[in-house]
């Protein structure tokens, strides 16, 4: 591995074994994040984004989930070979994650201040008083008013947005090498969202923190990401730098996602509706033959319905998993 690559997955496969069958939630995912890079991971709900991040953290619950194949490299070491004790030392200090649902991530019987301080005490050589001071500073940084008072409050005493900010404060408190943000700012109003994103960018500049940014919001991706991986039904279907993805998307799914964004600069006829991607994400127990996107794809041909394409590098740094990526009309 190159020295500047912080984390890399190779052919990562995470399956869930249920009574109804096997769900191939992550099926052969290859991503890499360099030191100080922000990688945006986008796709519809149920495509495997969160499972990818939980796999990197080694937090897949068994049963029913299991990492069945591939490699996950972090700082030049395969973390799939590390013990659970070693992983506990890595989680929270070197890799932090802001989970999607703060109410289920925070312990209801402890104050939020205690929970942030505990994370700091576990991973840093500081006193309890120093940990408390650091926790209050973090609460202030993420925009929580009167942080000294809020330090002693319980999760149920806070709104959903406040709890999410507590989770962000906890994740950032130990200055991690990699921050995984799983829809971290979805529940926040736009003003606080902008402040949190600016805080992430500031930490990225100061300590070289890398970010795996999972979101449905493509405007956040445009603001934050250096590179983008587009995910569909457990597979990466397009991967490139941010400018290329927005200027010249080559996979029909990526094109559909970008086309559905309302643009101030684009005039629309009265009553004209935004383009949509027809259909829904396929049932994970009954995936279609060939390319998983073919039932929804306007460019689908016979080979799309029969064979699953391999991901190919169509230009330097631009990877696409599609039989018809060069079809006229692609790109915006």
C-alpha atoms as a PDB file:
ATOM      1  CA  UNK A   1       0.000   0.000   0.000  1.00  0.00           C
ATOM      2  CA  UNK A   2       1.070   3.564  -0.654  1.00  0.00           C
ATOM      3  CA  UNK A   3       2.054   5.591   2.383  1.00  0.00           C
ATOM      4  CA  UNK A   4      -0.671   8.210   1.828  1.00  0.00           C
ATOM      5  CA  UNK A   5      -3.536   5.691   1.727  1.00  0.00           C
ATOM      6  CA  UNK A   6      -5.191   5.675   5.139  1.00  0.00           C
ATOM      7  CA  UNK A   7      -7.945   3.113   4.618  1.00  0.00           C
ATOM      8  CA  UNK A   8      -8.694   0.744   1.772  1.00  0.00           C
ATOM      9  CA  UNK A   9     -11.198  -2.056   1.216  1.00  0.00           C
ATOM     10  CA  UNK A  10     -10.495  -4.791  -1.314  1.00  0.00           C
ATOM     11  CA  UNK A  11     -13.363  -6.929  -2.615  1.00  0.00           C
ATOM     12  CA  UNK A  12     -15.206  -6.398   0.685  1.00  0.00           C
ATOM     13  CA  UNK A  13     -18.186  -8.722   1.140  1.00  0.00           C
ATOM     14  CA  UNK A  14     -20.606  -8.456   4.058  1.00  0.00           C
ATOM     15  CA  UNK A  15     -23.639 -10.765   4.035  1.00  0.00           C
ATOM     16  CA  UNK A  16     -26.640 -11.180   6.310  1.00  0.00           C
ATOM     17  CA  UNK A  17     -28.007 -14.679   6.845  1.00  0.00           C
ATOM     18  CA  UNK A  18     -31.752 -14.719   7.539  1.00  0.00           C
ATOM     19  CA  UNK A  19     -34.605 -17.214   7.435  1.00  0.00           C
ATOM     20  CA  UNK A  20     -35.669 -15.798   4.077  1.00  0.00           C
ATOM     21  CA  UNK A  21     -32.224 -16.134   2.523  1.00  0.00           C
ATOM     22  CA  UNK A  22     -28.863 -14.415   2.224  1.00  0.00           C
ATOM     23  CA  UNK A  23     -28.665 -10.644   1.777  1.00  0.00           C
ATOM     24  CA  UNK A  24     -25.477  -9.609  -0.022  1.00  0.00           C
ATOM     25  CA  UNK A  25     -25.501  -6.140   1.560  1.00  0.00           C
ATOM     26  CA  UNK A  26     -21.925  -5.331   0.507  1.00  0.00           C
ATOM     27  CA  UNK A  27     -20.764  -7.365  -2.447  1.00  0.00           C
ATOM     28  CA  UNK A  28     -17.214  -6.779  -3.651  1.00  0.00           C
ATOM     29  CA  UNK A  29     -16.675  -3.133  -2.654  1.00  0.00           C
ATOM     30  CA  UNK A  30     -13.323  -1.490  -3.395  1.00  0.00           C
ATOM     31  CA  UNK A  31     -12.750   1.982  -1.959  1.00  0.00           C
ATOM     32  CA  UNK A  32      -9.689   3.844  -0.736  1.00  0.00           C
ATOM     33  CA  UNK A  33      -9.299   7.024   1.268  1.00  0.00           C
ATOM     34  CA  UNK A  34      -6.030   8.924   1.473  1.00  0.00           C
ATOM     35  CA  UNK A  35      -4.797  10.944   4.446  1.00  0.00           C
ATOM     36  CA  UNK A  36      -6.788  14.184   4.561  1.00  0.00           C
ATOM     37  CA  UNK A  37      -9.217  13.118   1.814  1.00  0.00           C
ATOM     38  CA  UNK A  38     -13.008  13.309   1.949  1.00  0.00           C
ATOM     39  CA  UNK A  39     -14.726  10.472   0.106  1.00  0.00           C
ATOM     40  CA  UNK A  40     -18.450  10.868  -0.505  1.00  0.00           C
ATOM     41  CA  UNK A  41     -20.476   7.642  -0.538  1.00  0.00           C
ATOM     42  CA  UNK A  42     -23.889   8.172  -2.112  1.00  0.00           C
ATOM     43  CA  UNK A  43     -26.870   6.059  -3.102  1.00  0.00           C
ATOM     44  CA  UNK A  44     -30.482   5.328  -2.203  1.00  0.00           C
ATOM     45  CA  UNK A  45     -31.519   3.844   1.142  1.00  0.00           C
ATOM     46  CA  UNK A  46     -30.742   0.146   1.361  1.00  0.00           C
ATOM     47  CA  UNK A  47     -27.847   0.155  -1.094  1.00  0.00           C
ATOM     48  CA  UNK A  48     -25.202  -0.804   1.500  1.00  0.00           C
ATOM     49  CA  UNK A  49     -23.602   2.500   2.496  1.00  0.00           C
ATOM     50  CA  UNK A  50     -24.041   2.118   6.254  1.00  0.00           C
ATOM     51  CA  UNK A  51     -23.076  -1.569   6.171  1.00  0.00           C
ATOM     52  CA  UNK A  52     -19.842  -0.592   4.400  1.00  0.00           C
ATOM     53  CA  UNK A  53     -19.007   1.872   7.176  1.00  0.00           C
ATOM     54  CA  UNK A  54     -19.932  -0.602   9.936  1.00  0.00           C
ATOM     55  CA  UNK A  55     -17.714  -3.195   8.255  1.00  0.00           C
ATOM     56  CA  UNK A  56     -14.765  -0.784   8.403  1.00  0.00           C
ATOM     57  CA  UNK A  57     -15.469  -0.325  12.129  1.00  0.00           C
ATOM     58  CA  UNK A  58     -15.862  -4.105  12.588  1.00  0.00           C
ATOM     59  CA  UNK A  59     -19.313  -3.527  14.104  1.00  0.00           C
ATOM     60  CA  UNK A  60     -21.351  -5.967  12.019  1.00  0.00           C
ATOM     61  CA  UNK A  61     -23.543  -7.929  14.476  1.00  0.00           C
ATOM     62  CA  UNK A  62     -23.321 -11.730  14.282  1.00  0.00           C
ATOM     63  CA  UNK A  63     -25.856 -13.194  13.895  1.00  0.00           C
ATOM     64  CA  UNK A  64     -27.107 -12.345  11.314  1.00  0.00           C
ATOM     65  CA  UNK A  65     -24.319 -10.332   9.650  1.00  0.00           C
ATOM     66  CA  UNK A  66     -20.812 -11.421   8.775  1.00  0.00           C
ATOM     67  CA  UNK A  67     -17.841 -10.143   6.784  1.00  0.00           C
ATOM     68  CA  UNK A  68     -17.359 -13.166   4.528  1.00  0.00           C
ATOM     69  CA  UNK A  69     -14.595 -11.976   2.223  1.00  0.00           C
ATOM     70  CA  UNK A  70     -12.161  -9.281   1.224  1.00  0.00           C
ATOM     71  CA  UNK A  71      -9.714  -7.112   3.124  1.00  0.00           C
ATOM     72  CA  UNK A  72      -9.897  -3.882   5.117  1.00  0.00           C
ATOM     73  CA  UNK A  73      -6.570  -2.083   5.432  1.00  0.00           C
ATOM     74  CA  UNK A  74      -6.017   0.765   7.891  1.00  0.00           C
ATOM     75  CA  UNK A  75      -2.608   2.422   8.224  1.00  0.00           C
ATOM     76  CA  UNK A  76      -1.047  -0.493   6.367  1.00  0.00           C
ATOM     77  CA  UNK A  77      -2.572  -3.228   8.557  1.00  0.00           C
ATOM     78  CA  UNK A  78      -5.450  -5.602   7.802  1.00  0.00           C
ATOM     79  CA  UNK A  79      -7.889  -4.861  10.621  1.00  0.00           C
ATOM     80  CA  UNK A  80      -9.851  -8.034   9.901  1.00  0.00           C
ATOM     81  CA  UNK A  81      -6.944  -9.870  11.525  1.00  0.00           C
ATOM     82  CA  UNK A  82      -6.992  -7.743  14.684  1.00  0.00           C
ATOM     83  CA  UNK A  83      -8.478  -8.918  17.972  1.00  0.00           C
ATOM     84  CA  UNK A  84     -11.586  -7.308  19.453  1.00  0.00           C
ATOM     85  CA  UNK A  85      -9.426  -5.671  22.149  1.00  0.00           C
ATOM     86  CA  UNK A  86      -7.209  -4.086  19.474  1.00  0.00           C
ATOM     87  CA  UNK A  87     -10.298  -2.860  17.630  1.00  0.00           C
ATOM     88  CA  UNK A  88     -11.649  -1.221  20.798  1.00  0.00           C
ATOM     89  CA  UNK A  89      -8.449   0.805  21.018  1.00  0.00           C
ATOM     90  CA  UNK A  90      -8.819   1.888  17.388  1.00  0.00           C
ATOM     91  CA  UNK A  91     -12.518   2.771  17.564  1.00  0.00           C
ATOM     92  CA  UNK A  92     -13.112   6.237  18.946  1.00  0.00           C
ATOM     93  CA  UNK A  93      -9.490   7.314  18.832  1.00  0.00           C
ATOM     94  CA  UNK A  94      -8.199   6.530  15.329  1.00  0.00           C
ATOM     95  CA  UNK A  95     -11.538   5.824  13.629  1.00  0.00           C
ATOM     96  CA  UNK A  96     -14.670   7.600  14.842  1.00  0.00           C
ATOM     97  CA  UNK A  97     -18.203   7.268  13.536  1.00  0.00           C
ATOM     98  CA  UNK A  98     -21.196   9.545  13.797  1.00  0.00           C
ATOM     99  CA  UNK A  99     -24.158   7.204  13.652  1.00  0.00           C
ATOM    100  CA  UNK A 100     -27.378   7.930  11.798  1.00  0.00           C
ATOM    101  CA  UNK A 101     -29.724   7.657  14.806  1.00  0.00           C
ATOM    102  CA  UNK A 102     -28.404   9.420  17.941  1.00  0.00           C
ATOM    103  CA  UNK A 103     -31.129   8.226  20.338  1.00  0.00           C
ATOM    104  CA  UNK A 104     -30.098   4.594  19.922  1.00  0.00           C
ATOM    105  CA  UNK A 105     -26.382   5.473  20.048  1.00  0.00           C
ATOM    106  CA  UNK A 106     -26.434   7.437  23.324  1.00  0.00           C
ATOM    107  CA  UNK A 107     -26.901   5.647  26.642  1.00  0.00           C
ATOM    108  CA  UNK A 108     -30.121   6.976  28.259  1.00  0.00           C
ATOM    109  CA  UNK A 109     -28.927   6.416  31.862  1.00  0.00           C
ATOM    110  CA  UNK A 110     -25.782   8.578  31.632  1.00  0.00           C
ATOM    111  CA  UNK A 111     -25.472  12.317  31.051  1.00  0.00           C
ATOM    112  CA  UNK A 112     -24.211  13.390  27.654  1.00  0.00           C
ATOM    113  CA  UNK A 113     -21.193  15.050  29.288  1.00  0.00           C
ATOM    114  CA  UNK A 114     -20.241  11.840  31.054  1.00  0.00           C
ATOM    115  CA  UNK A 115     -20.417   9.907  27.779  1.00  0.00           C
ATOM    116  CA  UNK A 116     -18.188  12.372  25.922  1.00  0.00           C
ATOM    117  CA  UNK A 117     -15.723  12.530  28.834  1.00  0.00           C
ATOM    118  CA  UNK A 118     -15.602   8.734  29.019  1.00  0.00           C
ATOM    119  CA  UNK A 119     -14.550   8.531  25.366  1.00  0.00           C
ATOM    120  CA  UNK A 120     -11.789  11.073  25.992  1.00  0.00           C
ATOM    121  CA  UNK A 121     -10.552   9.287  29.163  1.00  0.00           C
ATOM    122  CA  UNK A 122     -10.439   5.894  27.429  1.00  0.00           C
ATOM    123  CA  UNK A 123      -8.323   7.093  24.516  1.00  0.00           C
ATOM    124  CA  UNK A 124      -6.275  10.004  25.869  1.00  0.00           C
ATOM    125  CA  UNK A 125      -3.894  10.427  28.795  1.00  0.00           C
ATOM    126  CA  UNK A 126      -5.807  13.168  30.634  1.00  0.00           C
ATOM    127  CA  UNK A 127      -7.352  13.731  34.046  1.00  0.00           C
ATOM    128  CA  UNK A 128     -11.120  13.699  34.663  1.00  0.00           C
ATOM    129  CA  UNK A 129     -11.112  17.482  35.008  1.00  0.00           C
ATOM    130  CA  UNK A 130      -9.264  17.885  31.689  1.00  0.00           C
ATOM    131  CA  UNK A 131     -11.671  15.454  30.017  1.00  0.00           C
ATOM    132  CA  UNK A 132     -14.649  17.445  31.295  1.00  0.00           C
ATOM    133  CA  UNK A 133     -13.139  20.685  30.045  1.00  0.00           C
ATOM    134  CA  UNK A 134     -12.501  19.129  26.631  1.00  0.00           C
ATOM    135  CA  UNK A 135     -16.074  17.765  26.507  1.00  0.00           C
ATOM    136  CA  UNK A 136     -17.567  21.198  27.272  1.00  0.00           C
ATOM    137  CA  UNK A 137     -15.338  22.749  24.581  1.00  0.00           C
ATOM    138  CA  UNK A 138     -16.621  20.205  22.043  1.00  0.00           C
ATOM    139  CA  UNK A 139     -20.262  20.856  22.989  1.00  0.00           C
ATOM    140  CA  UNK A 140     -19.611  24.538  22.400  1.00  0.00           C
ATOM    141  CA  UNK A 141     -17.864  23.842  19.083  1.00  0.00           C
ATOM    142  CA  UNK A 142     -20.864  21.963  17.681  1.00  0.00           C
ATOM    143  CA  UNK A 143     -23.204  24.833  18.516  1.00  0.00           C
ATOM    144  CA  UNK A 144     -24.904  23.659  21.710  1.00  0.00           C
ATOM    145  CA  UNK A 145     -25.902  26.717  23.789  1.00  0.00           C
ATOM    146  CA  UNK A 146     -24.912  26.884  27.469  1.00  0.00           C
ATOM    147  CA  UNK A 147     -22.595  23.831  27.172  1.00  0.00           C
ATOM    148  CA  UNK A 148     -21.724  23.787  30.911  1.00  0.00           C
ATOM    149  CA  UNK A 149     -25.383  23.205  31.758  1.00  0.00           C
ATOM    150  CA  UNK A 150     -25.981  20.769  28.887  1.00  0.00           C
ATOM    151  CA  UNK A 151     -23.005  18.707  30.056  1.00  0.00           C
ATOM    152  CA  UNK A 152     -25.120  17.422  32.966  1.00  0.00           C
ATOM    153  CA  UNK A 153     -28.259  16.698  30.945  1.00  0.00           C
ATOM    154  CA  UNK A 154     -29.515  13.291  29.771  1.00  0.00           C
ATOM    155  CA  UNK A 155     -30.239  12.406  26.105  1.00  0.00           C
ATOM    156  CA  UNK A 156     -34.019  12.458  26.622  1.00  0.00           C
ATOM    157  CA  UNK A 157     -33.813  16.096  27.727  1.00  0.00           C
ATOM    158  CA  UNK A 158     -32.531  17.124  24.305  1.00  0.00           C
ATOM    159  CA  UNK A 159     -34.114  17.409  20.881  1.00  0.00           C
ATOM    160  CA  UNK A 160     -33.095  15.102  18.047  1.00  0.00           C
ATOM    161  CA  UNK A 161     -30.872  17.788  16.542  1.00  0.00           C
ATOM    162  CA  UNK A 162     -29.175  18.425  19.894  1.00  0.00           C
ATOM    163  CA  UNK A 163     -28.523  14.701  20.379  1.00  0.00           C
ATOM    164  CA  UNK A 164     -26.999  14.529  16.920  1.00  0.00           C
ATOM    165  CA  UNK A 165     -24.654  17.378  17.807  1.00  0.00           C
ATOM    166  CA  UNK A 166     -23.643  15.506  20.976  1.00  0.00           C
ATOM    167  CA  UNK A 167     -22.755  12.484  18.819  1.00  0.00           C
ATOM    168  CA  UNK A 168     -20.679  14.713  16.539  1.00  0.00           C
ATOM    169  CA  UNK A 169     -18.905  16.239  19.561  1.00  0.00           C
ATOM    170  CA  UNK A 170     -18.105  12.754  20.873  1.00  0.00           C
ATOM    171  CA  UNK A 171     -16.780  11.567  17.503  1.00  0.00           C
ATOM    172  CA  UNK A 172     -14.524  14.595  17.069  1.00  0.00           C
ATOM    173  CA  UNK A 173     -13.298  14.790  20.689  1.00  0.00           C
ATOM    174  CA  UNK A 174     -10.222  12.588  20.149  1.00  0.00           C
ATOM    175  CA  UNK A 175      -9.144  14.085  16.805  1.00  0.00           C
ATOM    176  CA  UNK A 176      -9.501  10.825  14.818  1.00  0.00           C
ATOM    177  CA  UNK A 177      -7.504   9.936  11.701  1.00  0.00           C
ATOM    178  CA  UNK A 178     -10.726   8.831   9.986  1.00  0.00           C
ATOM    179  CA  UNK A 179     -14.190  10.225  10.662  1.00  0.00           C
ATOM    180  CA  UNK A 180     -17.126   8.242   9.293  1.00  0.00           C
ATOM    181  CA  UNK A 181     -20.153  10.498   9.014  1.00  0.00           C
ATOM    182  CA  UNK A 182     -23.328   8.454   8.397  1.00  0.00           C
ATOM    183  CA  UNK A 183     -25.996  11.034   7.512  1.00  0.00           C
ATOM    184  CA  UNK A 184     -24.642  13.069  10.441  1.00  0.00           C
ATOM    185  CA  UNK A 185     -26.220  16.389   9.551  1.00  0.00           C
ATOM    186  CA  UNK A 186     -29.575  15.167   8.178  1.00  0.00           C
ATOM    187  CA  UNK A 187     -31.558  16.050  11.326  1.00  0.00           C
ATOM    188  CA  UNK A 188     -30.012  19.505  11.708  1.00  0.00           C
ATOM    189  CA  UNK A 189     -31.263  22.818  10.395  1.00  0.00           C
ATOM    190  CA  UNK A 190     -29.252  24.316   7.545  1.00  0.00           C
ATOM    191  CA  UNK A 191     -27.460  26.898   9.720  1.00  0.00           C
ATOM    192  CA  UNK A 192     -26.136  24.313  12.194  1.00  0.00           C
ATOM    193  CA  UNK A 193     -25.448  21.919   9.318  1.00  0.00           C
ATOM    194  CA  UNK A 194     -23.197  24.523   7.704  1.00  0.00           C
ATOM    195  CA  UNK A 195     -21.375  25.066  11.023  1.00  0.00           C
ATOM    196  CA  UNK A 196     -20.794  21.327  11.522  1.00  0.00           C
ATOM    197  CA  UNK A 197     -19.533  20.864   7.970  1.00  0.00           C
ATOM    198  CA  UNK A 198     -17.194  23.822   8.444  1.00  0.00           C
ATOM    199  CA  UNK A 199     -15.962  22.273  11.717  1.00  0.00           C
ATOM    200  CA  UNK A 200     -15.212  19.009   9.888  1.00  0.00           C
ATOM    201  CA  UNK A 201     -13.319  20.875   7.164  1.00  0.00           C
ATOM    202  CA  UNK A 202     -11.375  22.827   9.791  1.00  0.00           C
ATOM    203  CA  UNK A 203     -10.302  19.621  11.584  1.00  0.00           C
ATOM    204  CA  UNK A 204      -9.415  18.101   8.245  1.00  0.00           C
ATOM    205  CA  UNK A 205      -7.076  21.028   7.584  1.00  0.00           C
ATOM    206  CA  UNK A 206      -5.576  21.127  11.090  1.00  0.00           C
ATOM    207  CA  UNK A 207      -4.919  17.435  11.786  1.00  0.00           C
ATOM    208  CA  UNK A 208      -5.137  15.872   8.330  1.00  0.00           C
ATOM    209  CA  UNK A 209      -8.306  13.984   9.261  1.00  0.00           C
ATOM    210  CA  UNK A 210      -9.862  11.917   6.476  1.00  0.00           C
ATOM    211  CA  UNK A 211     -13.643  11.714   6.158  1.00  0.00           C
ATOM    212  CA  UNK A 212     -15.972   9.047   4.785  1.00  0.00           C
ATOM    213  CA  UNK A 213     -19.108  11.100   4.143  1.00  0.00           C
ATOM    214  CA  UNK A 214     -22.294   9.075   3.724  1.00  0.00           C
ATOM    215  CA  UNK A 215     -25.247  11.182   2.627  1.00  0.00           C
ATOM    216  CA  UNK A 216     -28.216  11.495   0.286  1.00  0.00           C
ATOM    217  CA  UNK A 217     -27.573  15.220  -0.031  1.00  0.00           C
ATOM    218  CA  UNK A 218     -25.587  15.800  -3.210  1.00  0.00           C
ATOM    219  CA  UNK A 219     -25.147  19.492  -2.380  1.00  0.00           C
ATOM    220  CA  UNK A 220     -23.232  18.435   0.764  1.00  0.00           C
ATOM    221  CA  UNK A 221     -21.151  16.095  -1.403  1.00  0.00           C
ATOM    222  CA  UNK A 222     -20.382  18.956  -3.797  1.00  0.00           C
ATOM    223  CA  UNK A 223     -19.305  21.147  -0.863  1.00  0.00           C
ATOM    224  CA  UNK A 224     -17.257  18.583   1.069  1.00  0.00           C
ATOM    225  CA  UNK A 225     -15.990  15.692  -1.048  1.00  0.00           C
ATOM    226  CA  UNK A 226     -12.783  15.273  -3.021  1.00  0.00           C
ATOM    227  CA  UNK A 227     -13.882  11.982  -4.592  1.00  0.00           C
ATOM    228  CA  UNK A 228     -17.246  10.236  -4.884  1.00  0.00           C
ATOM    229  CA  UNK A 229     -18.272   6.564  -4.880  1.00  0.00           C
ATOM    230  CA  UNK A 230     -21.807   5.881  -6.103  1.00  0.00           C
ATOM    231  CA  UNK A 231     -23.312   2.702  -4.628  1.00  0.00           C
ATOM    232  CA  UNK A 232     -26.218   0.584  -5.827  1.00  0.00           C
ATOM    233  CA  UNK A 233     -27.431  -2.744  -4.387  1.00  0.00           C
ATOM    234  CA  UNK A 234     -24.188  -3.482  -2.557  1.00  0.00           C
ATOM    235  CA  UNK A 235     -21.814  -2.556  -5.386  1.00  0.00           C
ATOM    236  CA  UNK A 236     -19.868   0.529  -6.430  1.00  0.00           C
ATOM    237  CA  UNK A 237     -21.183   1.527  -9.867  1.00  0.00           C
ATOM    238  CA  UNK A 238     -19.161   4.718 -10.412  1.00  0.00           C
ATOM    239  CA  UNK A 239     -16.091   6.248  -8.762  1.00  0.00           C
ATOM    240  CA  UNK A 240     -14.299   9.461  -9.641  1.00  0.00           C
ATOM    241  CA  UNK A 241     -13.259  12.897  -8.453  1.00  0.00           C
ATOM    242  CA  UNK A 242     -16.005  15.362  -7.566  1.00  0.00           C
ATOM    243  CA  UNK A 243     -15.666  17.540 -10.677  1.00  0.00           C
ATOM    244  CA  UNK A 244     -15.870  14.613 -13.091  1.00  0.00           C
ATOM    245  CA  UNK A 245     -18.905  13.083 -11.355  1.00  0.00           C
ATOM    246  CA  UNK A 246     -20.887  16.329 -11.507  1.00  0.00           C
ATOM    247  CA  UNK A 247     -19.710  17.412 -14.957  1.00  0.00           C
ATOM    248  CA  UNK A 248     -19.698  14.087 -16.787  1.00  0.00           C
ATOM    249  CA  UNK A 249     -21.495  11.229 -14.990  1.00  0.00           C
ATOM    250  CA  UNK A 250     -21.257   8.063 -17.053  1.00  0.00           C
ATOM    251  CA  UNK A 251     -23.403   5.539 -15.194  1.00  0.00           C
ATOM    252  CA  UNK A 252     -27.174   5.890 -15.815  1.00  0.00           C
ATOM    253  CA  UNK A 253     -27.824   5.716 -12.068  1.00  0.00           C
ATOM    254  CA  UNK A 254     -25.415   8.575 -11.297  1.00  0.00           C
ATOM    255  CA  UNK A 255     -26.919  10.552 -14.164  1.00  0.00           C
ATOM    256  CA  UNK A 256     -30.406   9.960 -12.741  1.00  0.00           C
ATOM    257  CA  UNK A 257     -29.401  11.094  -9.252  1.00  0.00           C
ATOM    258  CA  UNK A 258     -27.886  14.318 -10.560  1.00  0.00           C
ATOM    259  CA  UNK A 259     -30.770  15.014 -12.958  1.00  0.00           C
ATOM    260  CA  UNK A 260     -33.257  14.914 -10.091  1.00  0.00           C
ATOM    261  CA  UNK A 261     -31.594  17.865  -8.320  1.00  0.00           C
ATOM    262  CA  UNK A 262     -33.523  21.146  -8.748  1.00  0.00           C
ATOM    263  CA  UNK A 263     -31.197  23.816 -10.167  1.00  0.00           C
ATOM    264  CA  UNK A 264     -31.769  27.545  -9.712  1.00  0.00           C
ATOM    265  CA  UNK A 265     -29.979  28.203 -13.019  1.00  0.00           C
ATOM    266  CA  UNK A 266     -32.279  25.915 -15.011  1.00  0.00           C
ATOM    267  CA  UNK A 267     -35.607  27.350 -16.111  1.00  0.00           C
ATOM    268  CA  UNK A 268     -38.572  24.971 -16.139  1.00  0.00           C
ATOM    269  CA  UNK A 269     -41.903  25.226 -17.869  1.00  0.00           C
ATOM    270  CA  UNK A 270     -44.813  25.777 -15.477  1.00  0.00           C
ATOM    271  CA  UNK A 271     -46.034  22.406 -14.233  1.00  0.00           C
ATOM    272  CA  UNK A 272     -42.910  20.580 -15.436  1.00  0.00           C
ATOM    273  CA  UNK A 273     -41.796  17.920 -12.987  1.00  0.00           C
ATOM    274  CA  UNK A 274     -38.254  17.017 -12.013  1.00  0.00           C
ATOM    275  CA  UNK A 275     -36.894  13.880 -13.685  1.00  0.00           C
ATOM    276  CA  UNK A 276     -37.031  10.789 -11.473  1.00  0.00           C
ATOM    277  CA  UNK A 277     -35.469   7.339 -11.522  1.00  0.00           C
ATOM    278  CA  UNK A 278     -38.370   5.015 -12.219  1.00  0.00           C
ATOM    279  CA  UNK A 279     -38.892   1.967 -10.005  1.00  0.00           C
ATOM    280  CA  UNK A 280     -37.312   1.080  -6.673  1.00  0.00           C
ATOM    281  CA  UNK A 281     -34.163  -0.562  -5.336  1.00  0.00           C
ATOM    282  CA  UNK A 282     -34.502  -4.321  -6.018  1.00  0.00           C
ATOM    283  CA  UNK A 283     -35.490  -6.796  -3.319  1.00  0.00           C
ATOM    284  CA  UNK A 284     -32.166  -8.044  -1.840  1.00  0.00           C
ATOM    285  CA  UNK A 285     -33.575 -11.580  -1.690  1.00  0.00           C
ATOM    286  CA  UNK A 286     -34.515 -11.533  -5.381  1.00  0.00           C
ATOM    287  CA  UNK A 287     -31.895  -9.527  -7.250  1.00  0.00           C
ATOM    288  CA  UNK A 288     -32.348  -9.257 -11.033  1.00  0.00           C
ATOM    289  CA  UNK A 289     -30.154 -11.200 -13.418  1.00  0.00           C
ATOM    290  CA  UNK A 290     -27.304  -9.276 -15.029  1.00  0.00           C
ATOM    291  CA  UNK A 291     -26.790  -5.661 -13.986  1.00  0.00           C
ATOM    292  CA  UNK A 292     -28.852  -4.955 -10.873  1.00  0.00           C
ATOM    293  CA  UNK A 293     -29.883  -1.564 -12.241  1.00  0.00           C
ATOM    294  CA  UNK A 294     -31.174  -2.869 -15.585  1.00  0.00           C
ATOM    295  CA  UNK A 295     -34.922  -2.986 -14.653  1.00  0.00           C
ATOM    296  CA  UNK A 296     -34.795   0.788 -13.995  1.00  0.00           C
ATOM    297  CA  UNK A 297     -32.293   1.772 -16.675  1.00  0.00           C
ATOM    298  CA  UNK A 298     -33.462   3.607 -19.829  1.00  0.00           C
ATOM    299  CA  UNK A 299     -30.319   2.420 -21.652  1.00  0.00           C
ATOM    300  CA  UNK A 300     -30.730  -1.271 -20.795  1.00  0.00           C
ATOM    301  CA  UNK A 301     -29.914  -3.748 -23.582  1.00  0.00           C
ATOM    302  CA  UNK A 302     -29.882  -7.534 -23.872  1.00  0.00           C
ATOM    303  CA  UNK A 303     -26.392  -7.937 -22.389  1.00  0.00           C
ATOM    304  CA  UNK A 304     -27.420  -5.774 -19.388  1.00  0.00           C
ATOM    305  CA  UNK A 305     -30.201  -8.238 -18.601  1.00  0.00           C
ATOM    306  CA  UNK A 306     -27.947 -11.282 -18.910  1.00  0.00           C
ATOM    307  CA  UNK A 307     -24.466 -10.404 -17.596  1.00  0.00           C
ATOM    308  CA  UNK A 308     -23.212  -8.274 -14.711  1.00  0.00           C
ATOM    309  CA  UNK A 309     -20.528  -5.864 -15.984  1.00  0.00           C
ATOM    310  CA  UNK A 310     -17.167  -5.463 -14.298  1.00  0.00           C
ATOM    311  CA  UNK A 311     -16.082  -2.055 -13.082  1.00  0.00           C
ATOM    312  CA  UNK A 312     -13.620  -0.510 -15.547  1.00  0.00           C
ATOM    313  CA  UNK A 313     -11.369   2.541 -15.584  1.00  0.00           C
ATOM    314  CA  UNK A 314     -12.671   4.514 -18.588  1.00  0.00           C
ATOM    315  CA  UNK A 315     -10.330   7.463 -17.979  1.00  0.00           C
ATOM    316  CA  UNK A 316      -7.622   8.147 -15.378  1.00  0.00           C
ATOM    317  CA  UNK A 317      -9.274   7.842 -11.955  1.00  0.00           C
ATOM    318  CA  UNK A 318     -12.792   7.403 -13.393  1.00  0.00           C
ATOM    319  CA  UNK A 319     -14.292   3.935 -12.846  1.00  0.00           C
ATOM    320  CA  UNK A 320     -17.690   2.823 -14.177  1.00  0.00           C
ATOM    321  CA  UNK A 321     -19.594  -0.450 -13.851  1.00  0.00           C
ATOM    322  CA  UNK A 322     -21.815  -0.356 -16.939  1.00  0.00           C
ATOM    323  CA  UNK A 323     -22.051  -1.984 -20.369  1.00  0.00           C
ATOM    324  CA  UNK A 324     -23.345   1.179 -22.065  1.00  0.00           C
ATOM    325  CA  UNK A 325     -21.488   3.993 -20.304  1.00  0.00           C
ATOM    326  CA  UNK A 326     -20.440   5.544 -23.651  1.00  0.00           C
ATOM    327  CA  UNK A 327     -24.018   5.668 -24.982  1.00  0.00           C
ATOM    328  CA  UNK A 328     -24.799   9.075 -26.563  1.00  0.00           C
ATOM    329  CA  UNK A 329     -26.747  11.356 -24.269  1.00  0.00           C
ATOM    330  CA  UNK A 330     -24.869  10.514 -21.084  1.00  0.00           C
ATOM    331  CA  UNK A 331     -23.589  13.417 -19.031  1.00  0.00           C
ATOM    332  CA  UNK A 332     -25.148  16.686 -17.962  1.00  0.00           C
END
